[in-house]
Amino acid sequence: MLFVGLPGVGFASKLAVDHLVKQLKAQRIGTVYSPHFPNQVIATNKGNLKAFTLKFYYVKVKNKHVFFLKGDLQPLTVEGQYEVTAKALQFFKEAGGQNVYAMAGLVTHPGEKDRAIYASSTHKKQLKALKKTIGSKIHNNYVPIMGMAGLVPTLSPLYGLTGTCLLVETTGEPIDSVAASKLVEVVGKMIGKKIPIEQLKKKAEQAKANLEQLNKQQAQMQEQPAIPGAAPVLPKDSLRYIR
């Protein structure tokens, strides 16, 4: 099974998959480069050069082959999102995969802790299985799903795969650790392993502070005249969440 977590509403899916990869000690098995990612790299405080990419990870959990796809961003163009989605699905198919689960946030007005999971799938039997396994629901309205969170599962049948989108309720705040924790809990049930979430909450708090600092830094830079060819210097703390 493949779980996809990319930046989106509340950063819920990205936070969740980042946390799952770390907790399960999944190993990186592939890196996706694309001309549809920004023509910009990051010079880190350790002297490394870091490009924007998507990465595949793999771990075996109780005889289950579990893959993750995560990254710093999604392709910037419609063409790029289709192209990268196709490459990712082909890679997963060639690895012997079968079921794809893309995760994302759905802005509602949820309670403080009670967050529902809404499932949509290319195969009805998946909806029945998920209802039994994780208690997922089917939304009673049409819900637009933007970006790769919708494309990856929807295009999965073209590669002989089953595609499912798992939407978690979120308040829409920039960093929603409660929604991310719910996704971690759900994945844990699906793979048969309970995943601790304490470190996720700490990471979310740090990410929120770093995001606020980065936005402030960018606002300050916009007020200053641009120098052609010059790279802005960002505080190192603002880049910790980009990894």
Foldseek 3Di string as FASTA:
>chain_A
DEEEQEDDQQSQRQLQLVQVCVQQVWAWDDKADDPLADPDWDQAPVRDTGDWIKTKTWDQFPNDTYIYIYTHHAGPDPVRLLVVLVVVLVVCVVVVDAEYEYEDEDADDDDPQDKAKAKDWPDPVVVVVLCVQPVHHHDPDDDDDDTNLPVNQVCNVVSNHIRMYIYIYDNRPNHGLSSNVSVNCSVCSVSVHRGDCPVSVVVSVLQVVLCVQVVVVVVVVVVDDDDPPDDDDGDNSNCPVRD
